[in-house]
């Protein structure tokens, strides 16, 4: 177990001491329980990096283009798009 120090405002310390006396527990036990509770509510266990996977692609309902064609169109840069429009105008 690790020992540590904390700083509490006077009012919080007084209220905590009263609660400890009423429950017959130590201030350290109250702090442990409080920290354990907050961790259980606010800090879910992180997902290890090796378990994360890229989401599967969704079919967006585009008709007339294959997945490969959609990917190729999506990867066209602005410069390439402008160049292809100029060549189409001729």
Protein backbone atom coordinates (compact mmCIF):
# COMPACT_ATOMS: atom_id res chain seq x y z
CA UNK A 1 0.00 0.00 0.00
CA UNK A 2 1.21 3.53 -0.79
CA UNK A 3 1.22 6.34 1.75
CA UNK A 4 0.33 9.81 0.50
CA UNK A 5 -0.69 13.21 1.78
CA UNK A 6 -3.67 15.29 0.73
CA UNK A 7 -4.76 18.82 1.47
CA UNK A 8 -8.38 19.53 2.36
CA UNK A 9 -10.20 22.76 3.07
CA UNK A 10 -10.97 23.12 6.78
CA UNK A 11 -14.72 22.70 6.27
CA UNK A 12 -14.31 19.52 4.20
CA UNK A 13 -11.92 18.06 6.80
CA UNK A 14 -14.34 18.83 9.65
CA UNK A 15 -17.27 17.23 7.80
CA UNK A 16 -15.15 14.19 6.91
CA UNK A 17 -14.03 13.74 10.54
CA UNK A 18 -17.66 13.86 11.74
CA UNK A 19 -18.65 11.25 9.18
CA UNK A 20 -15.72 9.05 10.18
CA UNK A 21 -16.72 9.23 13.83
CA UNK A 22 -20.34 8.41 13.02
CA UNK A 23 -19.34 5.44 10.84
CA UNK A 24 -16.47 4.38 13.06
CA UNK A 25 -13.96 4.37 10.22
CA UNK A 26 -10.64 6.13 9.77
CA UNK A 27 -10.13 9.15 7.56
CA UNK A 28 -7.84 6.99 5.42
CA UNK A 29 -10.65 4.46 4.92
CA UNK A 30 -13.07 7.23 3.97
CA UNK A 31 -10.57 8.57 1.44
CA UNK A 32 -9.96 5.08 -0.03
CA UNK A 33 -13.69 4.43 -0.38
CA UNK A 34 -14.26 7.82 -1.94
CA UNK A 35 -11.46 7.42 -4.45
CA UNK A 36 -12.57 3.88 -5.33
CA UNK A 37 -16.11 5.12 -5.91
CA UNK A 38 -15.03 8.02 -8.13
CA UNK A 39 -12.77 5.70 -10.15
CA UNK A 40 -15.60 3.22 -10.64
CA UNK A 41 -17.93 5.96 -11.90
CA UNK A 42 -15.66 8.22 -13.94
CA UNK A 43 -12.66 6.19 -15.07
CA UNK A 44 -13.69 3.17 -17.12
CA UNK A 45 -10.91 0.71 -17.89
CA UNK A 46 -9.13 1.83 -21.06
CA UNK A 47 -9.22 -0.49 -24.05
CA UNK A 48 -5.72 -1.85 -24.73
CA UNK A 49 -4.32 -0.49 -28.00
CA UNK A 50 -3.88 -3.94 -29.53
CA UNK A 51 -7.62 -4.68 -29.23
CA UNK A 52 -8.84 -1.61 -31.16
CA UNK A 53 -9.77 -2.27 -34.76
CA UNK A 54 -10.64 0.01 -37.61
CA UNK A 55 -14.43 0.12 -38.05
CA UNK A 56 -15.75 -1.85 -40.97
CA UNK A 57 -16.78 0.28 -43.97
CA UNK A 58 -20.47 0.93 -44.35
CA UNK A 59 -22.43 0.87 -47.59
CA UNK A 60 -23.65 4.44 -47.97
CA UNK A 61 -26.15 3.58 -50.67
CA UNK A 62 -24.31 5.08 -53.65
CA UNK A 63 -25.45 3.44 -56.84
CA UNK A 64 -23.56 3.00 -60.06
CA UNK A 65 -20.04 2.98 -58.58
CA UNK A 66 -18.12 0.07 -57.11
CA UNK A 67 -16.32 0.42 -53.78
CA UNK A 68 -13.03 0.70 -55.68
CA UNK A 69 -14.38 3.51 -57.88
CA UNK A 70 -15.73 5.40 -54.87
CA UNK A 71 -12.35 5.07 -53.14
CA UNK A 72 -10.51 6.27 -56.25
CA UNK A 73 -12.82 9.31 -56.59
CA UNK A 74 -12.45 10.15 -52.90
CA UNK A 75 -8.67 10.18 -53.19
CA UNK A 76 -8.52 12.68 -56.05
CA UNK A 77 -6.77 15.86 -54.93
CA UNK A 78 -8.04 19.37 -55.69
CA UNK A 79 -5.17 19.91 -58.14
CA UNK A 80 -5.99 16.69 -59.98
CA UNK A 81 -9.67 17.61 -60.02
CA UNK A 82 -8.91 21.03 -61.56
CA UNK A 83 -6.62 19.45 -64.15
CA UNK A 84 -9.22 16.88 -65.17
CA UNK A 85 -11.90 19.58 -65.51
CA UNK A 86 -9.65 21.59 -67.87
CA UNK A 87 -9.02 18.53 -70.02
CA UNK A 88 -12.76 17.79 -70.16
CA UNK A 89 -13.60 21.33 -71.35
CA UNK A 90 -11.48 20.95 -74.50
